[in-house]
Every structure is written in C-alpha cells, then in structure tokens.
Amino acid sequence: MVNIYETSNGYFKKIENIKKECWIDLVNPSLEELKMVSQETNTPLNILTKLMDDEELSRIDARGNISLIVVDIPYVIDTNYKHRYNTAPLGIIINNDGYFITMSLKKLQILDGFINDEVNDFDVKKRTKFVVQILIKVAQSYQKELADIDHYINNKEKILYKSTNNKELIDLLNIEKTLVYFSTSLKANEAVLEKLLRGSVLPLYDEDVSLVEDAVIENKQAIEMSNIYREILTSMTDTYATIISNNLNDVMKFLAGITIVFSIPTMVASFIGMNVPLGEMGKSPVSFILIIVFSIVLSLIIAFILKKKNML
C-alpha cells in the first residue's frame, strides 16, 4: 500500500501522485509499488527491497544522495496473550532530491499521529526534524507499552499469591520474552540516535540538536524501564514458581488429610459389618446410632491430631 502526503500552506493533506517535498508512506508494498516509487523518486530499488526483510537491523547509513535510517518498533504478535510483543523494522529514507519515504511491513500506530496531523510543528518539508520527531515517537511508544506491562504485572501479582496453576506463570514468561526484545531493540535504536546526534549523516540545526537530545533521553528512559522490569520479572517468576508449588502442596496435603478423616467411618463400618458376633451391642435397637456416633467421634479425634500437626 502506498500513501502520499504533503504539507502545503500550513495544511497537511493526502495527495494522489508523487511529487517533490512529499512524504511517501509504504506499508507492506508489492514489488510493482516498490518499482514505481523507485522510478518516481530516483531511489535505488535494492534499498527498498532490502527493507522488506523483517529481520533488518537498526542502523543508519548514507549513500550518495540517499540517507537510510532503520529503527525497531514494538507491535503485538498475538492478540490472545496480553502484552506479547515483538519488534519490526521501520525504514526511513531521506532522498536529497526532495522525497521522504517511510516503509514498514506492518501498519504502525506511531505514524498515525503525523497522518492525523496531531503532532505540533510538523512539516513534511523539514525532513531532518521529521526524522527526529519519528524517533521521539518510537521511544515514547516503548515507554507506553512498558508502563502498561508494569501495570499488568502488578495485577498478576495479586492473582499469583493464590494460584495453583501455570497459566499466570506462562503469561509472565511471555512478558519476559517481550522485555528481551524491547531491551535489544532499544539498545540498537540508541546507537542510531547517537550516530544521528553527531551530525555526520543528516545536517542538524540548533532546534534539531535539541530534539535529538530529547529523543536520546526518551530512549535511555525506555532502556532503563525495560531493564528494571526485566529484573523484577525474573525475580518474580522464580519466586512465584515456588509459591505456586507450595500452594499445590498445601492443596494436596489438605486432600490427603480429608481422605484420612473420611476413611475412618468406612473402616469402622467395614470391621463391624463382618460376620462376627457383637454381643449385646448387636442386639441393641440403638446400635446403629452408637456406631455412627463412634465413627464421628473417632474422625474428629483424627482430624484434631492432623490439625495440631499442621497436616490439615
């Protein structure tokens, strides 16, 4: 899919045809669309096709009149599990002939703020500033997802105290895997930001330098959040694995104790029900009641003993 936008007279709008000073947003494009964009913008086709690799690493590179920036963006990989994320590459191509190209294999929400004209002081023609604004949005998206993960972990903590199954523990393991992806991608994005800050790839004006520094700070905060939550989660996973095991042991201990207590009446009935003479007791009209009372009293005594030994 190819979407084309421009800023004209202070207004942001979608247009039909590619022209200079426009923004071309490619989302999982076909080979024909890539060839069309390559021809219209004089961008090498091999650069565009390489961005179709979902394992493309974060990097920044300059070749002739083309500057390429690749950063990792978080996205949900399984809606059946909360906060199960992976990262996908977002390619940003700045063509000095007057074209700005973004490319991703998935629809990414971080660009919606630009498309919906919700970003302050946004202008497609200010390409360096546009890049930095995207990078700030990327770091903020990580922070938002990490804050949601922290809230989710706190809610899970209350459930895990009483849990005896592995479902909640598996959810935490999925989150731990997500944090590994986040931490790795954020560190790669940090290298891109630091290289961009040196100004060796894109020209930076005073306001751009300030924005890049803000993006670096936002990214560092996301890295710290990711590392902290990862350490907390690792500790929690080990601790609650033990708690779940202990909870299950308590349940098994209770069931074993109850089984012993309820087996007493069965044993009494079995012994008395044998074909043996019971003397005068067997002739008494209240013998059945006496047997029941005896069984109950014996069961209560056994239950009291088990309770004193913390076995019930």
C-alpha atoms as a PDB file:
ATOM      1  CA  MET A   1       0.000   0.000   0.000  1.00  0.00           C
ATOM      2  CA  VAL A   2       1.301   3.446  -0.954  1.00  0.00           C
ATOM      3  CA  ASN A   3       0.062   6.645   0.731  1.00  0.00           C
ATOM      4  CA  ILE A   4       1.365  10.071  -0.263  1.00  0.00           C
ATOM      5  CA  TYR A   5       1.141  13.223   1.857  1.00  0.00           C
ATOM      6  CA  GLU A   6       2.313  16.813   1.652  1.00  0.00           C
ATOM      7  CA  THR A   7       2.292  19.985   3.702  1.00  0.00           C
ATOM      8  CA  SER A   8       1.003  22.972   1.751  1.00  0.00           C
ATOM      9  CA  ASN A   9       0.281  26.469   3.114  1.00  0.00           C
ATOM     10  CA  GLY A  10       0.461  25.142   6.653  1.00  0.00           C
ATOM     11  CA  TYR A  11      -2.009  22.305   5.989  1.00  0.00           C
ATOM     12  CA  PHE A  12      -1.244  18.588   5.905  1.00  0.00           C
ATOM     13  CA  LYS A  13      -3.127  16.567   3.291  1.00  0.00           C
ATOM     14  CA  LYS A  14      -3.119  13.357   1.306  1.00  0.00           C
ATOM     15  CA  ILE A  15      -2.377  13.564  -2.423  1.00  0.00           C
ATOM     16  CA  GLU A  16      -2.629  11.099  -5.278  1.00  0.00           C
ATOM     17  CA  ASN A  17       0.674  11.498  -7.138  1.00  0.00           C
ATOM     18  CA  ILE A  18       4.292  11.585  -6.041  1.00  0.00           C
ATOM     19  CA  LYS A  19       5.961  14.958  -6.229  1.00  0.00           C
ATOM     20  CA  LYS A  20       8.895  16.719  -4.606  1.00  0.00           C
ATOM     21  CA  GLU A  21       8.688  17.709  -0.940  1.00  0.00           C
ATOM     22  CA  CYS A  22       6.184  14.931  -0.230  1.00  0.00           C
ATOM     23  CA  TRP A  23       6.057  12.057   2.244  1.00  0.00           C
ATOM     24  CA  ILE A  24       5.603   8.565   0.787  1.00  0.00           C
ATOM     25  CA  ASP A  25       4.394   6.002   3.338  1.00  0.00           C
ATOM     26  CA  LEU A  26       4.776   2.368   2.231  1.00  0.00           C
ATOM     27  CA  VAL A  27       3.027  -0.375   4.214  1.00  0.00           C
ATOM     28  CA  ASN A  28       3.843  -3.926   3.088  1.00  0.00           C
ATOM     29  CA  PRO A  29       4.158  -2.777  -0.543  1.00  0.00           C
ATOM     30  CA  SER A  30       4.152  -5.063  -3.569  1.00  0.00           C
ATOM     31  CA  LEU A  31       7.144  -5.331  -5.893  1.00  0.00           C
ATOM     32  CA  GLU A  32       5.275  -3.256  -8.501  1.00  0.00           C
ATOM     33  CA  GLU A  33       4.713  -0.477  -5.963  1.00  0.00           C
ATOM     34  CA  LEU A  34       8.376  -0.542  -4.990  1.00  0.00           C
ATOM     35  CA  LYS A  35       9.432  -0.271  -8.626  1.00  0.00           C
ATOM     36  CA  MET A  36       7.069   2.661  -9.148  1.00  0.00           C
ATOM     37  CA  VAL A  37       8.394   4.531  -6.094  1.00  0.00           C
ATOM     38  CA  SER A  38      11.977   3.760  -7.119  1.00  0.00           C
ATOM     39  CA  GLN A  39      11.447   5.233 -10.583  1.00  0.00           C
ATOM     40  CA  GLU A  40       9.475   8.269  -9.417  1.00  0.00           C
ATOM     41  CA  THR A  41      11.934   9.236  -6.658  1.00  0.00           C
ATOM     42  CA  ASN A  42      15.203   8.028  -8.178  1.00  0.00           C
ATOM     43  CA  THR A  43      15.777   5.785  -5.149  1.00  0.00           C
ATOM     44  CA  PRO A  44      17.733   2.547  -5.770  1.00  0.00           C
ATOM     45  CA  LEU A  45      15.341  -0.403  -5.836  1.00  0.00           C
ATOM     46  CA  ASN A  46      17.710  -2.620  -3.842  1.00  0.00           C
ATOM     47  CA  ILE A  47      17.449  -0.252  -0.840  1.00  0.00           C
ATOM     48  CA  LEU A  48      13.665  -0.523  -0.898  1.00  0.00           C
ATOM     49  CA  THR A  49      13.575  -4.295  -1.377  1.00  0.00           C
ATOM     50  CA  LYS A  50      16.056  -4.829   1.457  1.00  0.00           C
ATOM     51  CA  LEU A  51      13.634  -3.147   3.848  1.00  0.00           C
ATOM     52  CA  MET A  52      11.167  -5.961   3.099  1.00  0.00           C
ATOM     53  CA  ASP A  53      13.247  -8.162   5.414  1.00  0.00           C
ATOM     54  CA  ASP A  54      11.506  -8.298   8.805  1.00  0.00           C
ATOM     55  CA  GLU A  55      14.869  -9.143  10.420  1.00  0.00           C
ATOM     56  CA  GLU A  56      16.511  -5.920   9.198  1.00  0.00           C
ATOM     57  CA  LEU A  57      18.699  -4.484  11.961  1.00  0.00           C
ATOM     58  CA  SER A  58      18.576  -0.925  13.297  1.00  0.00           C
ATOM     59  CA  ARG A  59      21.199   1.163  11.544  1.00  0.00           C
ATOM     60  CA  ILE A  60      21.910   4.479   9.879  1.00  0.00           C
ATOM     61  CA  ASP A  61      23.681   4.839   6.549  1.00  0.00           C
ATOM     62  CA  ALA A  62      24.309   7.420   3.841  1.00  0.00           C
ATOM     63  CA  ARG A  63      24.890   6.585   0.178  1.00  0.00           C
ATOM     64  CA  GLY A  64      25.203   9.427  -2.298  1.00  0.00           C
ATOM     65  CA  ASN A  65      22.035  11.496  -2.103  1.00  0.00           C
ATOM     66  CA  ILE A  66      20.234   8.835  -0.036  1.00  0.00           C
ATOM     67  CA  SER A  67      20.222   8.644   3.769  1.00  0.00           C
ATOM     68  CA  LEU A  68      18.766   5.489   5.295  1.00  0.00           C
ATOM     69  CA  ILE A  69      17.659   5.066   8.905  1.00  0.00           C
ATOM     70  CA  VAL A  70      16.239   1.804  10.268  1.00  0.00           C
ATOM     71  CA  VAL A  71      14.742   1.576  13.773  1.00  0.00           C
ATOM     72  CA  ASP A  72      12.785  -1.147  15.565  1.00  0.00           C
ATOM     73  CA  ILE A  73       9.146  -0.539  16.534  1.00  0.00           C
ATOM     74  CA  PRO A  74       7.076  -2.621  19.007  1.00  0.00           C
ATOM     75  CA  TYR A  75       3.989  -4.440  17.744  1.00  0.00           C
ATOM     76  CA  VAL A  76       1.588  -7.080  19.076  1.00  0.00           C
ATOM     77  CA  ILE A  77       2.305 -10.565  17.712  1.00  0.00           C
ATOM     78  CA  ASP A  78      -0.531 -12.469  19.399  1.00  0.00           C
ATOM     79  CA  THR A  79      -3.801 -10.853  20.468  1.00  0.00           C
ATOM     80  CA  ASN A  80      -4.682 -13.971  22.511  1.00  0.00           C
ATOM     81  CA  TYR A  81      -1.953 -13.083  25.004  1.00  0.00           C
ATOM     82  CA  LYS A  82      -1.775  -9.692  26.645  1.00  0.00           C
ATOM     83  CA  HIS A  83       1.445  -7.754  26.130  1.00  0.00           C
ATOM     84  CA  ARG A  84       3.046 -10.345  23.880  1.00  0.00           C
ATOM     85  CA  TYR A  85       5.118  -8.169  21.576  1.00  0.00           C
ATOM     86  CA  ASN A  86       7.915  -8.377  19.090  1.00  0.00           C
ATOM     87  CA  THR A  87       9.674  -5.621  17.176  1.00  0.00           C
ATOM     88  CA  ALA A  88       9.516  -4.763  13.484  1.00  0.00           C
ATOM     89  CA  PRO A  89      11.848  -2.540  11.448  1.00  0.00           C
ATOM     90  CA  LEU A  90      10.729   0.878  10.257  1.00  0.00           C
ATOM     91  CA  GLY A  91      12.790   2.189   7.361  1.00  0.00           C
ATOM     92  CA  ILE A  92      13.166   5.947   6.837  1.00  0.00           C
ATOM     93  CA  ILE A  93      14.691   7.127   3.577  1.00  0.00           C
ATOM     94  CA  ILE A  94      15.648  10.761   3.032  1.00  0.00           C
ATOM     95  CA  ASN A  95      16.217  11.478  -0.638  1.00  0.00           C
ATOM     96  CA  ASN A  96      18.068  14.749  -1.217  1.00  0.00           C
ATOM     97  CA  ASP A  97      16.072  15.196  -4.423  1.00  0.00           C
ATOM     98  CA  GLY A  98      13.164  16.188  -2.167  1.00  0.00           C
ATOM     99  CA  TYR A  99      11.449  12.943  -1.137  1.00  0.00           C
ATOM    100  CA  PHE A 100      10.806  11.460   2.284  1.00  0.00           C
ATOM    101  CA  ILE A 101       9.942   7.742   2.396  1.00  0.00           C
ATOM    102  CA  THR A 102       8.859   5.558   5.318  1.00  0.00           C
ATOM    103  CA  MET A 103       8.451   1.828   4.895  1.00  0.00           C
ATOM    104  CA  SER A 104       7.238  -0.972   7.152  1.00  0.00           C
ATOM    105  CA  LEU A 105       5.819  -4.448   6.718  1.00  0.00           C
ATOM    106  CA  LYS A 106       3.022  -3.753   9.223  1.00  0.00           C
ATOM    107  CA  LYS A 107       0.731  -0.837   9.932  1.00  0.00           C
ATOM    108  CA  LEU A 108       2.433   1.054  12.752  1.00  0.00           C
ATOM    109  CA  GLN A 109       0.480   3.283  15.107  1.00  0.00           C
ATOM    110  CA  ILE A 110       3.329   5.697  15.761  1.00  0.00           C
ATOM    111  CA  LEU A 111       2.818   7.272  12.323  1.00  0.00           C
ATOM    112  CA  ASP A 112      -0.910   7.832  12.894  1.00  0.00           C
ATOM    113  CA  GLY A 113      -0.198  10.977  14.896  1.00  0.00           C
ATOM    114  CA  PHE A 114       1.508  12.503  11.853  1.00  0.00           C
ATOM    115  CA  ILE A 115      -1.131  11.271   9.413  1.00  0.00           C
ATOM    116  CA  ASN A 116      -3.913  12.678  11.616  1.00  0.00           C
ATOM    117  CA  ASP A 117      -1.997  15.978  11.909  1.00  0.00           C
ATOM    118  CA  GLU A 118      -1.752  15.671  15.713  1.00  0.00           C
ATOM    119  CA  VAL A 119       1.986  16.458  16.016  1.00  0.00           C
ATOM    120  CA  ASN A 120       2.903  20.052  16.843  1.00  0.00           C
ATOM    121  CA  ASP A 121       5.076  21.952  14.380  1.00  0.00           C
ATOM    122  CA  PHE A 122       5.066  19.091  11.875  1.00  0.00           C
ATOM    123  CA  ASP A 123       6.125  19.868   8.330  1.00  0.00           C
ATOM    124  CA  VAL A 124       6.966  17.250   5.690  1.00  0.00           C
ATOM    125  CA  LYS A 125       9.458  19.648   4.109  1.00  0.00           C
ATOM    126  CA  LYS A 126      11.551  19.761   7.306  1.00  0.00           C
ATOM    127  CA  ARG A 127      12.907  16.294   6.728  1.00  0.00           C
ATOM    128  CA  THR A 128      15.565  16.170   9.467  1.00  0.00           C
ATOM    129  CA  LYS A 129      13.090  17.406  12.052  1.00  0.00           C
ATOM    130  CA  PHE A 130      10.531  14.897  10.774  1.00  0.00           C
ATOM    131  CA  VAL A 131      13.048  12.064  11.335  1.00  0.00           C
ATOM    132  CA  VAL A 132      13.749  13.180  14.886  1.00  0.00           C
ATOM    133  CA  GLN A 133      10.020  13.537  15.654  1.00  0.00           C
ATOM    134  CA  ILE A 134       9.501   9.950  14.480  1.00  0.00           C
ATOM    135  CA  LEU A 135      12.370   8.741  16.678  1.00  0.00           C
ATOM    136  CA  ILE A 136      10.858  10.517  19.700  1.00  0.00           C
ATOM    137  CA  LYS A 137       7.514   8.836  18.959  1.00  0.00           C
ATOM    138  CA  VAL A 138       9.290   5.477  18.752  1.00  0.00           C
ATOM    139  CA  ALA A 139      10.881   5.916  22.195  1.00  0.00           C
ATOM    140  CA  GLN A 140       7.570   7.110  23.660  1.00  0.00           C
ATOM    141  CA  SER A 141       5.755   4.094  22.210  1.00  0.00           C
ATOM    142  CA  TYR A 142       8.183   1.800  24.062  1.00  0.00           C
ATOM    143  CA  GLN A 143       7.611   3.755  27.271  1.00  0.00           C
ATOM    144  CA  LYS A 144       3.840   3.472  26.901  1.00  0.00           C
ATOM    145  CA  GLU A 145       3.953  -0.285  26.332  1.00  0.00           C
ATOM    146  CA  LEU A 146       6.379  -0.726  29.233  1.00  0.00           C
ATOM    147  CA  ALA A 147       4.091   1.262  31.558  1.00  0.00           C
ATOM    148  CA  ASP A 148       1.169  -0.975  30.524  1.00  0.00           C
ATOM    149  CA  ILE A 149       3.322  -4.057  31.160  1.00  0.00           C
ATOM    150  CA  ASP A 150       4.210  -2.784  34.650  1.00  0.00           C
ATOM    151  CA  HIS A 151       0.505  -2.271  35.449  1.00  0.00           C
ATOM    152  CA  TYR A 152      -0.280  -5.756  34.129  1.00  0.00           C
ATOM    153  CA  ILE A 153       2.489  -7.322  36.247  1.00  0.00           C
ATOM    154  CA  ASN A 154       1.107  -5.633  39.379  1.00  0.00           C
ATOM    155  CA  ASN A 155      -2.354  -7.048  38.660  1.00  0.00           C
ATOM    156  CA  LYS A 156      -0.922 -10.514  38.051  1.00  0.00           C
ATOM    157  CA  GLU A 157       0.930 -10.338  41.355  1.00  0.00           C
ATOM    158  CA  LYS A 158      -2.356 -10.366  43.291  1.00  0.00           C
ATOM    159  CA  ILE A 159      -3.546 -13.472  41.418  1.00  0.00           C
ATOM    160  CA  LEU A 160      -0.288 -15.391  41.796  1.00  0.00           C
ATOM    161  CA  TYR A 161      -0.482 -15.418  45.621  1.00  0.00           C
ATOM    162  CA  LYS A 162      -3.421 -17.843  45.432  1.00  0.00           C
ATOM    163  CA  SER A 163      -2.684 -19.551  42.123  1.00  0.00           C
ATOM    164  CA  THR A 164      -2.073 -23.291  41.802  1.00  0.00           C
ATOM    165  CA  ASN A 165      -1.770 -23.498  38.001  1.00  0.00           C
ATOM    166  CA  ASN A 166       0.799 -22.388  35.458  1.00  0.00           C
ATOM    167  CA  LYS A 167      -1.331 -20.049  33.324  1.00  0.00           C
ATOM    168  CA  GLU A 168      -0.303 -16.857  35.117  1.00  0.00           C
ATOM    169  CA  LEU A 169       3.323 -18.001  35.189  1.00  0.00           C
ATOM    170  CA  ILE A 170       3.250 -18.605  31.425  1.00  0.00           C
ATOM    171  CA  ASP A 171       1.847 -15.094  30.937  1.00  0.00           C
ATOM    172  CA  LEU A 172       4.795 -13.680  32.888  1.00  0.00           C
ATOM    173  CA  LEU A 173       7.235 -15.711  30.794  1.00  0.00           C
ATOM    174  CA  ASN A 174       5.683 -14.249  27.628  1.00  0.00           C
ATOM    175  CA  ILE A 175       6.162 -10.765  29.066  1.00  0.00           C
ATOM    176  CA  GLU A 176       9.763 -11.600  29.952  1.00  0.00           C
ATOM    177  CA  LYS A 177      10.360 -12.591  26.330  1.00  0.00           C
ATOM    178  CA  THR A 178       8.798  -9.287  25.237  1.00  0.00           C
ATOM    179  CA  LEU A 179      11.156  -7.352  27.522  1.00  0.00           C
ATOM    180  CA  VAL A 180      14.143  -9.142  25.972  1.00  0.00           C
ATOM    181  CA  TYR A 181      13.013  -7.996  22.501  1.00  0.00           C
ATOM    182  CA  PHE A 182      12.422  -4.461  23.789  1.00  0.00           C
ATOM    183  CA  SER A 183      15.795  -4.204  25.515  1.00  0.00           C
ATOM    184  CA  THR A 184      17.693  -5.454  22.455  1.00  0.00           C
ATOM    185  CA  SER A 185      15.840  -3.154  20.053  1.00  0.00           C
ATOM    186  CA  LEU A 186      16.150  -0.086  22.289  1.00  0.00           C
ATOM    187  CA  LYS A 187      19.923  -0.531  22.542  1.00  0.00           C
ATOM    188  CA  ALA A 188      20.147  -0.783  18.743  1.00  0.00           C
ATOM    189  CA  ASN A 189      17.977   2.342  18.401  1.00  0.00           C
ATOM    190  CA  GLU A 190      20.290   4.119  20.864  1.00  0.00           C
ATOM    191  CA  ALA A 191      23.249   3.540  18.543  1.00  0.00           C
ATOM    192  CA  VAL A 192      21.252   5.085  15.675  1.00  0.00           C
ATOM    193  CA  LEU A 193      20.388   8.155  17.764  1.00  0.00           C
ATOM    194  CA  GLU A 194      23.970   8.665  18.889  1.00  0.00           C
ATOM    195  CA  LYS A 195      25.213   8.492  15.311  1.00  0.00           C
ATOM    196  CA  LEU A 196      22.487  10.890  14.225  1.00  0.00           C
ATOM    197  CA  LEU A 197      23.454  13.288  17.032  1.00  0.00           C
ATOM    198  CA  ARG A 198      26.989  13.535  15.655  1.00  0.00           C
ATOM    199  CA  GLY A 199      25.534  15.142  12.519  1.00  0.00           C
ATOM    200  CA  SER A 200      27.616  13.062  10.136  1.00  0.00           C
ATOM    201  CA  VAL A 201      24.604  11.662   8.268  1.00  0.00           C
ATOM    202  CA  LEU A 202      21.963  14.412   8.330  1.00  0.00           C
ATOM    203  CA  PRO A 203      22.556  18.146   8.755  1.00  0.00           C
ATOM    204  CA  LEU A 204      21.381  19.247  12.199  1.00  0.00           C
ATOM    205  CA  TYR A 205      20.225  22.756  13.016  1.00  0.00           C
ATOM    206  CA  ASP A 206      20.099  24.087  16.573  1.00  0.00           C
ATOM    207  CA  GLU A 207      16.463  23.088  17.110  1.00  0.00           C
ATOM    208  CA  ASP A 208      17.176  19.662  15.589  1.00  0.00           C
ATOM    209  CA  VAL A 209      20.057  19.048  18.013  1.00  0.00           C
ATOM    210  CA  SER A 210      17.757  19.794  20.932  1.00  0.00           C
ATOM    211  CA  LEU A 211      15.137  17.390  19.571  1.00  0.00           C
ATOM    212  CA  VAL A 212      17.703  14.620  19.010  1.00  0.00           C
ATOM    213  CA  GLU A 213      18.929  15.056  22.596  1.00  0.00           C
ATOM    214  CA  ASP A 214      15.303  14.737  23.749  1.00  0.00           C
ATOM    215  CA  ALA A 215      14.968  11.548  21.676  1.00  0.00           C
ATOM    216  CA  VAL A 216      18.169  10.157  23.239  1.00  0.00           C
ATOM    217  CA  ILE A 217      16.835  10.898  26.731  1.00  0.00           C
ATOM    218  CA  GLU A 218      13.460   9.306  25.943  1.00  0.00           C
ATOM    219  CA  ASN A 219      15.207   6.221  24.557  1.00  0.00           C
ATOM    220  CA  LYS A 220      17.506   5.933  27.589  1.00  0.00           C
ATOM    221  CA  GLN A 221      14.491   6.143  29.891  1.00  0.00           C
ATOM    222  CA  ALA A 222      12.826   3.334  27.931  1.00  0.00           C
ATOM    223  CA  ILE A 223      16.009   1.236  28.221  1.00  0.00           C
ATOM    224  CA  GLU A 224      16.113   1.786  32.000  1.00  0.00           C
ATOM    225  CA  MET A 225      12.431   0.904  32.332  1.00  0.00           C
ATOM    226  CA  SER A 226      12.922  -2.244  30.273  1.00  0.00           C
ATOM    227  CA  ASN A 227      15.940  -3.369  32.331  1.00  0.00           C
ATOM    228  CA  ILE A 228      14.224  -2.670  35.662  1.00  0.00           C
ATOM    229  CA  TYR A 229      11.014  -4.503  34.720  1.00  0.00           C
ATOM    230  CA  ARG A 230      13.037  -7.379  33.312  1.00  0.00           C
ATOM    231  CA  GLU A 231      14.974  -7.802  36.574  1.00  0.00           C
ATOM    232  CA  ILE A 232      11.773  -7.546  38.610  1.00  0.00           C
ATOM    233  CA  LEU A 233      10.034 -10.071  36.388  1.00  0.00           C
ATOM    234  CA  THR A 234      12.921 -12.541  36.535  1.00  0.00           C
ATOM    235  CA  SER A 235      12.846 -12.397  40.327  1.00  0.00           C
ATOM    236  CA  MET A 236       9.050 -12.641  40.390  1.00  0.00           C
ATOM    237  CA  THR A 237       8.986 -15.630  38.055  1.00  0.00           C
ATOM    238  CA  ASP A 238      11.374 -17.619  40.263  1.00  0.00           C
ATOM    239  CA  THR A 239       9.587 -16.599  43.449  1.00  0.00           C
ATOM    240  CA  TYR A 240       6.091 -17.327  42.227  1.00  0.00           C
ATOM    241  CA  ALA A 241       7.098 -20.642  40.703  1.00  0.00           C
ATOM    242  CA  THR A 242       7.984 -21.640  44.259  1.00  0.00           C
ATOM    243  CA  ILE A 243       4.759 -20.111  45.626  1.00  0.00           C
ATOM    244  CA  ILE A 244       2.626 -21.996  43.096  1.00  0.00           C
ATOM    245  CA  SER A 245       4.426 -25.226  44.004  1.00  0.00           C
ATOM    246  CA  ASN A 246       3.828 -24.586  47.722  1.00  0.00           C
ATOM    247  CA  ASN A 247       0.171 -23.742  47.107  1.00  0.00           C
ATOM    248  CA  LEU A 248      -0.243 -27.001  45.232  1.00  0.00           C
ATOM    249  CA  ASN A 249       1.483 -28.885  48.049  1.00  0.00           C
ATOM    250  CA  ASP A 250      -0.932 -27.311  50.551  1.00  0.00           C
ATOM    251  CA  VAL A 251      -3.883 -28.442  48.458  1.00  0.00           C
ATOM    252  CA  MET A 252      -2.509 -31.991  48.205  1.00  0.00           C
ATOM    253  CA  LYS A 253      -1.805 -32.034  51.961  1.00  0.00           C
ATOM    254  CA  PHE A 254      -5.375 -30.911  52.703  1.00  0.00           C
ATOM    255  CA  LEU A 255      -6.856 -33.511  50.351  1.00  0.00           C
ATOM    256  CA  ALA A 256      -4.703 -36.258  51.918  1.00  0.00           C
ATOM    257  CA  GLY A 257      -5.836 -35.217  55.414  1.00  0.00           C
ATOM    258  CA  ILE A 258      -9.506 -35.115  54.410  1.00  0.00           C
ATOM    259  CA  THR A 259      -9.135 -38.563  52.812  1.00  0.00           C
ATOM    260  CA  ILE A 260      -7.754 -39.980  56.085  1.00  0.00           C
ATOM    261  CA  VAL A 261     -10.540 -38.397  58.145  1.00  0.00           C
ATOM    262  CA  PHE A 262     -13.311 -39.654  55.873  1.00  0.00           C
ATOM    263  CA  SER A 263     -11.781 -43.122  55.673  1.00  0.00           C
ATOM    264  CA  ILE A 264     -12.359 -43.664  59.424  1.00  0.00           C
ATOM    265  CA  PRO A 265     -16.168 -44.246  59.175  1.00  0.00           C
ATOM    266  CA  THR A 266     -15.549 -46.619  56.248  1.00  0.00           C
ATOM    267  CA  MET A 267     -13.040 -48.629  58.282  1.00  0.00           C
ATOM    268  CA  VAL A 268     -15.366 -48.789  61.308  1.00  0.00           C
ATOM    269  CA  ALA A 269     -18.302 -49.868  59.165  1.00  0.00           C
ATOM    270  CA  SER A 270     -16.127 -52.475  57.440  1.00  0.00           C
ATOM    271  CA  PHE A 271     -14.957 -54.034  60.698  1.00  0.00           C
ATOM    272  CA  ILE A 272     -18.358 -54.036  62.347  1.00  0.00           C
ATOM    273  CA  GLY A 273     -20.029 -55.284  59.194  1.00  0.00           C
ATOM    274  CA  MET A 274     -18.036 -58.533  59.259  1.00  0.00           C
ATOM    275  CA  ASN A 275     -19.865 -61.720  60.175  1.00  0.00           C
ATOM    276  CA  VAL A 276     -18.661 -61.737  63.773  1.00  0.00           C
ATOM    277  CA  PRO A 277     -20.798 -61.713  66.946  1.00  0.00           C
ATOM    278  CA  LEU A 278     -21.174 -58.246  68.543  1.00  0.00           C
ATOM    279  CA  GLY A 279     -22.687 -59.478  71.814  1.00  0.00           C
ATOM    280  CA  GLU A 280     -25.329 -57.343  73.491  1.00  0.00           C
ATOM    281  CA  MET A 281     -24.398 -54.347  71.315  1.00  0.00           C
ATOM    282  CA  GLY A 282     -25.575 -56.174  68.226  1.00  0.00           C
ATOM    283  CA  LYS A 283     -28.996 -56.760  69.821  1.00  0.00           C
ATOM    284  CA  SER A 284     -29.480 -53.155  70.957  1.00  0.00           C
ATOM    285  CA  PRO A 285     -32.035 -51.048  68.973  1.00  0.00           C
ATOM    286  CA  VAL A 286     -29.644 -48.061  69.124  1.00  0.00           C
ATOM    287  CA  SER A 287     -26.561 -49.947  67.923  1.00  0.00           C
ATOM    288  CA  PHE A 288     -26.626 -48.236  64.529  1.00  0.00           C
ATOM    289  CA  ILE A 289     -26.682 -44.782  66.154  1.00  0.00           C
ATOM    290  CA  LEU A 290     -23.857 -45.801  68.515  1.00  0.00           C
ATOM    291  CA  ILE A 291     -21.732 -46.918  65.565  1.00  0.00           C
ATOM    292  CA  ILE A 292     -22.338 -43.599  63.770  1.00  0.00           C
ATOM    293  CA  VAL A 293     -21.523 -41.579  66.893  1.00  0.00           C
ATOM    294  CA  PHE A 294     -18.387 -43.661  67.468  1.00  0.00           C
ATOM    295  CA  SER A 295     -17.272 -43.100  63.840  1.00  0.00           C
ATOM    296  CA  ILE A 296     -17.854 -39.348  64.056  1.00  0.00           C
ATOM    297  CA  VAL A 297     -16.002 -39.005  67.368  1.00  0.00           C
ATOM    298  CA  LEU A 298     -13.070 -41.053  66.067  1.00  0.00           C
ATOM    299  CA  SER A 299     -12.969 -38.943  62.877  1.00  0.00           C
ATOM    300  CA  LEU A 300     -12.970 -35.727  64.914  1.00  0.00           C
ATOM    301  CA  ILE A 301     -10.134 -37.009  67.085  1.00  0.00           C
ATOM    302  CA  ILE A 302      -8.067 -37.893  63.985  1.00  0.00           C
ATOM    303  CA  ALA A 303      -8.883 -34.504  62.421  1.00  0.00           C
ATOM    304  CA  PHE A 304      -7.798 -32.722  65.623  1.00  0.00           C
ATOM    305  CA  ILE A 305      -4.496 -34.630  65.678  1.00  0.00           C
ATOM    306  CA  LEU A 306      -3.816 -33.836  61.989  1.00  0.00           C
ATOM    307  CA  LYS A 307      -4.665 -30.172  62.593  1.00  0.00           C
ATOM    308  CA  LYS A 308      -2.266 -29.981  65.528  1.00  0.00           C
ATOM    309  CA  LYS A 309       0.473 -31.398  63.312  1.00  0.00           C
ATOM    310  CA  ASN A 310      -0.395 -28.847  60.596  1.00  0.00           C
ATOM    311  CA  MET A 311      -1.406 -31.630  58.224  1.00  0.00           C
ATOM    312  CA  LEU A 312      -4.957 -30.391  57.673  1.00  0.00           C
END
